[in-house]
Amino acid sequence: MTAKQICVIGAGVSGLVSAKTFLEEGYEVTLFEKQQGLGGVWERSRAYPGLSIQNPRDTYAFSDYPMPASYPEWPSGEQVCAYLESYAQHFGVTEKIQFGAKVTKVERKSGNTPRWMVSVSFQENGKEIGKQNYEFDFVIVCNGTYDIPYIPNLPGMEEFIAAGGQVIHTNNFNDDSVIEGKRVVVVGFGKSATDLANLAASKAKECTLVFRQALWKIPNFFLGLFNIKYIFLTRFAETWMPYHKLQGWEKWLHSFGKPLVWAFWRLNETILRLQFPLDACGMVPKQPMNKLIGCSIGLIPKDFFEHVRAGKIRAVKTKINKFFASGVELDNREQIQADVVVFGTGFLQDIPFLEEKYHRHVFDEEGTIHLYRHLIHPHVPQMGFVGYNSIRFS
């Protein structure tokens, strides 16, 4: 009997492990990747200077393929990409990948044995060099939640670009010469935004960080002593967060013991306010830490708050209202001269190639994804989704 044909779309972390798993089970696997290299968000063309992971090394590794012991506690983006390349090579996934292969349409083909028709556009240097259709028994969508960079459509942007200004998303920032000696505005307060503002503090002529709300940021080491993995990545830390069905000690803790929970999180906030000059920088978040711990807390680059306090990064809590020929106008009517505007404004979530009648099942009118256990939809046959249990923040 011929092995079933499996299509995997996307050669990021999710796509690689999906392909590896199906190969081990004896299936025929084809993996389509629109970039010229594997890695997804870690692919080299998408990595900005200084990119590193937020997790300690051993918590960001495949269980059956540890990261090299020579790697530092927080590996760089380059090291993570090399690790993923090594993983793919070790498990025979690399030879199954077709690079520069952008999936343009996935349609259900009717008949006695329904299959998926996958249309692929092969591209090189941004130009199409060929097309081809394939048929598969099962499709695994791994295009990721960080695939479509979001840049808000603001008035005057075209005028700014026509006058020589540059507008870049952090996803496409891979050369720091773009900001060297320039007047730079960075938009956002996620990890990529603060990373690039920190880079601009030393490379650019001047740097302004525009953000709508401050978020809690954590150091690699609490008080310069304790690795964050012993603070937030333990079962002890998990007990301070409520979940669906509380039992035993945790049930008591989140009912009668609520004052202890309150004190635990306020203690962490106080430590951060002492370790970082949050008050002096005017960057104390309004939301309590325990309201954001699951989605909006990230590592802060070294010396970021010191750069803000010293004026190397001018932080303005507002939003951009519009562009003009030589810069941006903020919502408070202030005008800032700029040569480069870098948006760290996250990503849109979509599966643009999925046939419309199935797309309507997966996404509602507000763009929210609906999947059972983040993996399948009962009305989308013979298709799985891997990597959709994440969030859209950058």
Protein backbone atom coordinates (compact mmCIF):
# COMPACT_ATOMS: atom_id res chain seq x y z
CA MET A 1 0.00 0.00 0.00
CA THR A 2 1.35 3.43 -0.95
CA ALA A 3 2.14 5.69 1.99
CA LYS A 4 -0.15 8.65 2.35
CA GLN A 5 1.12 11.95 1.01
CA ILE A 6 1.49 14.65 3.66
CA CYS A 7 1.93 18.37 2.93
CA VAL A 8 3.50 20.62 5.55
CA ILE A 9 3.28 24.37 4.95
CA GLY A 10 6.05 26.34 6.67
CA ALA A 11 9.53 25.30 7.81
CA GLY A 12 9.57 27.03 11.18
CA VAL A 13 9.71 25.24 14.51
CA SER A 14 6.18 23.81 14.11
CA GLY A 15 6.67 22.74 10.52
CA LEU A 16 9.97 21.01 11.21
CA VAL A 17 8.70 18.97 14.14
CA SER A 18 5.50 18.09 12.24
CA ALA A 19 7.46 16.87 9.23
CA LYS A 20 9.85 14.92 11.44
CA THR A 21 6.99 13.22 13.29
CA PHE A 22 5.18 12.11 10.12
CA LEU A 23 8.42 10.91 8.55
CA GLU A 24 9.08 8.72 11.58
CA GLU A 25 5.62 7.19 11.12
CA GLY A 26 6.44 6.22 7.54
CA TYR A 27 4.49 8.87 5.61
CA GLU A 28 5.65 10.61 2.44
CA VAL A 29 6.21 14.24 3.41
CA THR A 30 6.67 17.37 1.32
CA LEU A 31 7.40 20.64 3.10
CA PHE A 32 6.89 23.99 1.35
CA GLU A 33 8.77 27.05 2.65
CA LYS A 34 8.42 30.43 0.95
CA GLN A 35 11.73 31.74 2.30
CA GLN A 36 15.12 30.60 1.03
CA GLY A 37 16.02 29.14 4.41
CA LEU A 38 14.30 27.31 7.24
CA GLY A 39 13.61 28.57 10.74
CA GLY A 40 10.45 30.67 10.48
CA VAL A 41 10.94 33.69 12.75
CA TRP A 42 14.56 32.58 13.18
CA GLU A 43 15.30 32.46 9.43
CA ARG A 44 18.37 34.59 8.81
CA SER A 45 16.74 37.17 6.55
CA ARG A 46 14.23 37.96 9.32
CA ALA A 47 16.72 38.25 12.20
CA TYR A 48 17.57 41.76 13.38
CA PRO A 49 21.00 42.46 14.94
CA GLY A 50 21.10 41.38 18.58
CA LEU A 51 18.09 39.06 18.32
CA SER A 52 18.02 36.39 21.03
CA ILE A 53 15.44 34.11 22.57
CA GLN A 54 13.50 35.03 25.70
CA ASN A 55 13.59 31.53 27.16
CA PRO A 56 16.61 29.98 28.82
CA ARG A 57 18.31 27.59 26.40
CA ASP A 58 17.05 24.24 27.69
CA THR A 59 13.41 25.37 27.78
CA TYR A 60 13.48 26.21 24.06
CA ALA A 61 14.84 22.91 22.76
CA PHE A 62 13.20 19.83 21.29
CA SER A 63 12.93 17.11 23.92
CA ASP A 64 14.72 14.59 21.69
CA TYR A 65 17.40 16.96 20.41
CA PRO A 66 18.98 19.26 23.04
CA MET A 67 20.69 22.48 22.10
CA PRO A 68 24.50 22.29 22.16
CA ALA A 69 25.92 22.61 25.66
CA SER A 70 28.29 25.24 24.27
CA TYR A 71 25.38 27.61 23.67
CA PRO A 72 24.89 30.41 26.22
CA GLU A 73 21.87 30.48 28.51
CA TRP A 74 20.07 32.78 26.08
CA PRO A 75 21.20 31.84 22.56
CA SER A 76 21.29 34.39 19.75
CA GLY A 77 18.97 34.26 16.77
CA GLU A 78 21.86 33.00 14.64
CA GLN A 79 22.49 30.13 17.06
CA VAL A 80 18.81 29.17 17.18
CA CYS A 81 18.68 29.08 13.37
CA ALA A 82 21.81 26.89 13.26
CA TYR A 83 20.23 24.59 15.85
CA LEU A 84 17.05 24.22 13.78
CA GLU A 85 19.12 23.51 10.65
CA SER A 86 20.99 20.83 12.56
CA TYR A 87 17.70 19.34 13.82
CA ALA A 88 16.25 19.19 10.30
CA GLN A 89 19.41 17.60 8.92
CA HIS A 90 19.64 15.05 11.75
CA PHE A 91 16.07 13.80 11.28
CA GLY A 92 16.06 13.83 7.47
CA VAL A 93 13.68 16.76 7.13
CA THR A 94 15.97 19.06 5.10
CA GLU A 95 15.78 16.91 1.97
CA LYS A 96 11.97 17.10 2.09
CA ILE A 97 11.87 20.92 2.01
CA GLN A 98 11.19 22.90 -1.15
CA PHE A 99 12.50 26.42 -0.55
CA GLY A 100 11.22 29.53 -2.30
CA ALA A 101 7.87 27.74 -2.56
CA LYS A 102 4.96 30.01 -1.66
CA VAL A 103 1.64 28.22 -1.22
CA THR A 104 -1.01 30.34 -2.96
CA LYS A 105 -4.11 28.13 -2.72
CA VAL A 106 -5.27 25.05 -0.84
CA GLU A 107 -8.56 23.64 -2.15
CA ARG A 108 -10.52 20.47 -1.43
CA LYS A 109 -10.77 18.27 -4.52
CA SER A 110 -13.98 16.22 -4.64
CA GLY A 111 -14.26 12.66 -5.93
CA ASN A 112 -14.21 9.08 -4.71
CA THR A 113 -11.07 9.81 -2.75
CA PRO A 114 -11.16 13.52 -1.78
CA ARG A 115 -7.74 15.11 -1.55
CA TRP A 116 -6.27 18.55 -1.10
CA MET A 117 -5.04 20.46 -4.15
CA VAL A 118 -2.09 22.65 -3.18
CA SER A 119 -1.02 25.38 -5.62
CA VAL A 120 2.57 26.57 -5.27
CA SER A 121 4.36 29.58 -6.73
CA PHE A 122 8.13 29.13 -6.91
CA GLN A 123 9.98 32.38 -6.38
CA GLU A 124 13.51 33.67 -6.56
CA ASN A 125 14.60 37.17 -5.53
CA GLY A 126 10.95 38.14 -5.15
CA LYS A 127 10.02 37.08 -8.70
CA GLU A 128 7.93 34.11 -9.74
CA ILE A 129 9.88 31.55 -11.72
CA GLY A 130 7.24 28.82 -11.96
CA LYS A 131 3.98 27.33 -10.71
CA GLN A 132 2.87 23.82 -9.91
CA ASN A 133 -0.14 22.02 -8.41
CA TYR A 134 0.16 19.06 -6.05
CA GLU A 135 -2.29 16.64 -4.45
CA PHE A 136 -2.08 15.45 -0.87
CA ASP A 137 -4.06 13.25 1.49
CA PHE A 138 -3.43 15.47 4.49
CA VAL A 139 -2.25 19.06 4.94
CA ILE A 140 -0.58 20.50 8.04
CA VAL A 141 -0.67 24.30 8.21
CA CYS A 142 2.38 25.69 10.02
CA ASN A 143 2.60 29.18 8.53
CA GLY A 144 2.65 30.59 12.04
CA THR A 145 1.18 33.51 13.92
CA TYR A 146 4.21 35.68 13.13
CA ASP A 147 3.99 35.47 9.36
CA ILE A 148 2.23 38.69 8.28
CA PRO A 149 3.89 41.86 9.67
CA TYR A 150 1.40 44.52 10.71
CA ILE A 151 2.11 48.16 9.90
CA PRO A 152 -0.83 50.51 10.53
CA ASN A 153 -2.00 52.40 7.46
CA LEU A 154 -1.41 55.98 8.58
CA PRO A 155 -2.07 59.16 6.60
CA GLY A 156 0.95 60.73 4.93
CA MET A 157 3.07 57.56 4.86
CA GLU A 158 3.48 57.65 1.08
CA GLU A 159 4.55 61.30 1.26
CA PHE A 160 7.15 60.42 3.91
CA ILE A 161 8.56 57.58 1.78
CA ALA A 162 8.55 59.70 -1.39
CA ALA A 163 10.64 62.30 0.44
CA GLY A 164 13.30 59.68 1.24
CA GLY A 165 12.03 58.36 4.55
CA GLN A 166 12.04 54.66 5.34
CA VAL A 167 9.26 52.65 6.99
CA ILE A 168 10.29 49.20 8.24
CA HIS A 169 8.72 46.47 10.34
CA THR A 170 11.01 44.79 12.86
CA ASN A 171 10.39 41.54 10.95
CA ASN A 172 12.25 43.01 7.95
CA PHE A 173 15.01 44.79 9.85
CA ASN A 174 18.25 42.85 9.36
CA ASP A 175 20.90 45.52 8.78
CA ASP A 176 21.75 48.13 11.41
CA SER A 177 23.38 50.38 8.78
CA VAL A 178 19.81 51.45 7.94
CA ILE A 179 19.64 53.46 11.18
CA GLU A 180 23.28 54.45 11.60
CA GLY A 181 23.52 58.20 12.09
CA LYS A 182 19.78 58.62 11.36
CA ARG A 183 16.86 60.08 13.27
CA VAL A 184 14.88 57.00 14.25
CA VAL A 185 11.37 56.53 15.60
CA VAL A 186 10.50 53.09 16.98
CA VAL A 187 6.84 52.24 17.55
CA GLY A 188 5.75 49.66 20.13
CA PHE A 189 6.79 48.21 23.47
CA GLY A 190 7.13 44.52 22.70
CA LYS A 191 10.45 42.70 22.66
CA SER A 192 11.41 43.60 19.10
CA ALA A 193 10.53 47.28 19.63
CA THR A 194 12.59 47.63 22.80
CA ASP A 195 15.46 45.64 21.28
CA LEU A 196 15.65 47.95 18.27
CA ALA A 197 15.22 51.12 20.33
CA ASN A 198 18.13 49.91 22.45
CA LEU A 199 20.18 49.29 19.29
CA ALA A 200 19.29 52.73 17.97
CA ALA A 201 20.46 54.32 21.24
CA SER A 202 24.02 53.47 20.25
CA LYS A 203 23.79 53.51 16.44
CA ALA A 204 21.37 56.28 15.52
CA LYS A 205 21.72 60.05 15.68
CA GLU A 206 18.64 60.17 17.90
CA CYS A 207 15.97 57.70 18.91
CA THR A 208 12.35 58.20 19.95
CA LEU A 209 10.27 55.31 21.26
CA VAL A 210 6.52 55.81 20.79
CA PHE A 211 4.32 53.44 22.78
CA ARG A 212 0.70 53.32 23.91
CA GLN A 213 1.24 51.53 27.20
CA ALA A 214 4.17 50.38 29.26
CA LEU A 215 4.43 46.65 29.87
CA TRP A 216 6.25 44.77 32.61
CA LYS A 217 9.75 43.80 31.53
CA ILE A 218 11.97 41.37 33.34
CA PRO A 219 15.76 40.98 33.50
CA ASN A 220 17.69 37.80 32.80
CA PHE A 221 18.57 37.77 36.48
CA PHE A 222 16.37 39.10 39.27
CA LEU A 223 18.40 41.47 41.46
CA GLY A 224 21.36 40.47 39.30
CA LEU A 225 21.47 37.10 41.09
CA PHE A 226 18.55 34.78 40.37
CA ASN A 227 17.96 33.33 36.90
CA ILE A 228 14.37 34.06 35.82
CA LYS A 229 13.82 30.37 35.15
CA TYR A 230 13.84 29.84 38.92
CA ILE A 231 11.32 32.64 39.41
CA PHE A 232 8.76 32.24 36.61
CA LEU A 233 9.45 28.88 34.97
CA THR A 234 8.79 26.54 37.88
CA ARG A 235 5.76 24.69 39.24
CA PHE A 236 5.99 26.93 42.29
CA ALA A 237 5.49 30.01 40.10
CA GLU A 238 2.54 28.37 38.35
CA THR A 239 0.65 28.01 41.63
CA TRP A 240 0.28 31.80 41.80
CA MET A 241 -1.68 31.85 38.53
CA PRO A 242 -5.32 30.64 38.60
CA TYR A 243 -6.43 28.11 36.01
CA HIS A 244 -9.64 26.35 35.00
CA LYS A 245 -10.01 23.67 37.68
CA LEU A 246 -8.22 24.47 40.90
CA GLN A 247 -7.61 21.67 43.37
CA GLY A 248 -6.04 21.15 46.77
CA TRP A 249 -3.62 23.82 48.00
CA GLU A 250 -4.08 25.96 44.90
CA LYS A 251 -7.87 26.05 45.38
CA TRP A 252 -7.34 27.41 48.91
CA LEU A 253 -4.63 29.81 47.71
CA HIS A 254 -6.90 31.47 45.13
CA SER A 255 -9.84 31.79 47.51
CA PHE A 256 -9.00 32.30 51.18
CA GLY A 257 -5.34 32.86 50.35
CA LYS A 258 -5.88 35.68 47.85
CA PRO A 259 -3.98 38.18 50.04
CA LEU A 260 -0.89 35.95 49.68
CA VAL A 261 -1.31 35.94 45.88
CA TRP A 262 -1.66 39.71 45.90
CA ALA A 263 1.49 40.05 48.04
CA PHE A 264 3.50 37.69 45.82
CA TRP A 265 2.88 39.73 42.66
CA ARG A 266 3.30 43.10 44.38
CA LEU A 267 6.67 41.88 45.72
CA ASN A 268 7.81 41.01 42.20
CA GLU A 269 6.67 44.40 40.95
CA THR A 270 8.51 46.17 43.76
CA ILE A 271 11.71 44.28 42.97
CA LEU A 272 11.48 45.32 39.33
CA ARG A 273 10.84 48.94 40.27
CA LEU A 274 13.96 48.83 42.43
CA GLN A 275 16.13 47.01 39.90
CA PHE A 276 14.99 49.20 36.98
CA PRO A 277 14.40 52.96 37.21
CA LEU A 278 10.76 52.51 36.16
CA ASP A 279 9.47 55.41 38.23
CA ALA A 280 12.21 57.77 37.06
CA CYS A 281 11.48 56.81 33.44
CA GLY A 282 7.71 57.13 33.86
CA MET A 283 7.33 53.53 32.75
CA VAL A 284 5.50 51.84 35.60
CA PRO A 285 2.77 49.74 33.90
CA LYS A 286 -0.80 50.43 34.91
CA GLN A 287 -1.79 46.77 34.64
CA PRO A 288 -0.70 44.56 37.55
CA MET A 289 1.91 41.99 36.65
CA ASN A 290 -0.32 38.96 37.19
CA LYS A 291 -2.78 40.27 34.57
CA LEU A 292 -0.09 40.25 31.88
CA ILE A 293 2.25 37.40 32.83
CA GLY A 294 0.92 35.05 30.15
CA CYS A 295 1.22 37.29 27.11
CA SER A 296 2.89 40.67 27.51
CA ILE A 297 5.95 40.22 29.69
CA GLY A 298 9.33 39.89 28.02
CA LEU A 299 13.02 40.17 28.66
CA ILE A 300 14.38 43.70 28.51
CA PRO A 301 17.65 44.36 26.67
CA LYS A 302 20.59 45.34 28.83
CA ASP A 303 20.75 49.06 29.75
CA PHE A 304 17.40 49.87 28.09
CA PHE A 305 15.97 51.81 31.04
CA GLU A 306 19.34 53.47 31.66
CA HIS A 307 19.28 54.70 28.05
CA VAL A 308 15.78 56.07 28.60
CA ARG A 309 16.79 57.86 31.79
CA ALA A 310 19.92 59.26 30.12
CA GLY A 311 17.91 60.55 27.16
CA LYS A 312 19.54 58.27 24.59
CA ILE A 313 16.06 56.88 24.07
CA ARG A 314 13.32 59.47 24.27
CA ALA A 315 10.22 57.58 25.33
CA VAL A 316 6.83 59.12 24.55
CA LYS A 317 3.61 57.48 25.71
CA THR A 318 1.21 58.23 22.87
CA LYS A 319 0.63 57.06 19.29
CA ILE A 320 1.47 58.30 15.82
CA ASN A 321 -1.38 60.28 14.32
CA LYS A 322 0.06 60.77 10.84
CA PHE A 323 3.22 61.13 8.77
CA PHE A 324 4.45 64.25 7.04
CA ALA A 325 7.33 64.67 4.56
CA SER A 326 10.10 64.80 7.16
CA GLY A 327 8.72 62.87 10.09
CA VAL A 328 5.68 61.96 12.15
CA GLU A 329 3.02 63.80 14.08
CA LEU A 330 1.98 62.29 17.39
CA ASP A 331 -1.50 62.13 18.82
CA ASN A 332 -0.55 64.95 21.19
CA ARG A 333 0.19 67.14 18.10
CA GLU A 334 3.95 67.04 18.65
CA GLN A 335 5.94 66.70 15.44
CA ILE A 336 9.10 64.60 15.38
CA GLN A 337 11.68 64.79 12.60
CA ALA A 338 12.59 61.30 11.41
CA ASP A 339 14.56 59.52 8.70
CA VAL A 340 13.50 55.98 9.63
CA VAL A 341 10.34 54.72 11.35
CA VAL A 342 10.50 51.15 12.67
CA PHE A 343 7.23 49.45 13.61
CA GLY A 344 7.32 46.77 16.29
CA THR A 345 3.55 46.51 16.08
CA GLY A 346 3.09 42.77 15.89
CA PHE A 347 1.57 40.54 13.29
CA LEU A 348 -1.74 39.77 11.63
CA GLN A 349 -3.04 36.23 11.83
CA ASP A 350 -4.39 34.68 8.67
CA ILE A 351 -4.22 31.65 6.40
CA PRO A 352 -4.69 33.49 3.09
CA PHE A 353 -4.26 30.42 0.91
CA LEU A 354 -7.05 28.38 2.53
CA GLU A 355 -10.21 27.84 0.46
CA GLU A 356 -12.86 30.38 1.48
CA LYS A 357 -15.52 27.96 2.74
CA TYR A 358 -12.99 26.42 5.13
CA HIS A 359 -11.41 29.75 5.98
CA ARG A 360 -14.80 30.88 7.35
CA HIS A 361 -14.79 27.98 9.79
CA VAL A 362 -11.30 28.67 11.11
CA PHE A 363 -11.61 32.48 11.38
CA ASP A 364 -14.62 34.40 12.62
CA GLU A 365 -15.58 37.89 11.43
CA GLU A 366 -13.24 39.49 13.97
CA GLY A 367 -10.29 37.40 12.81
CA THR A 368 -10.21 35.14 15.87
CA ILE A 369 -8.99 31.60 15.22
CA HIS A 370 -11.24 28.74 16.30
CA LEU A 371 -9.56 25.34 16.56
CA TYR A 372 -10.10 22.37 18.84
CA ARG A 373 -7.07 22.19 21.12
CA HIS A 374 -5.38 24.60 18.68
CA LEU A 375 -4.93 21.69 16.26
CA ILE A 376 -8.01 20.78 14.19
CA HIS A 377 -11.45 22.00 13.13
CA PRO A 378 -14.28 19.45 12.82
CA HIS A 379 -15.53 21.03 9.58
CA VAL A 380 -12.12 21.11 7.88
CA PRO A 381 -11.34 17.49 6.93
CA GLN A 382 -7.87 16.01 6.70
CA MET A 383 -6.15 19.18 7.82
CA GLY A 384 -4.18 20.01 10.96
CA PHE A 385 -2.84 23.27 12.35
CA VAL A 386 0.35 23.39 14.40
CA GLY A 387 1.74 26.48 16.12
CA TYR A 388 -1.56 28.29 16.66
CA ASN A 389 -1.53 28.16 20.45
CA SER A 390 0.44 31.39 20.51
CA ILE A 391 -0.28 35.10 20.61
CA ARG A 392 0.14 37.91 18.12
CA PHE A 393 2.49 40.22 20.04
CA SER A 394 5.95 40.84 18.63
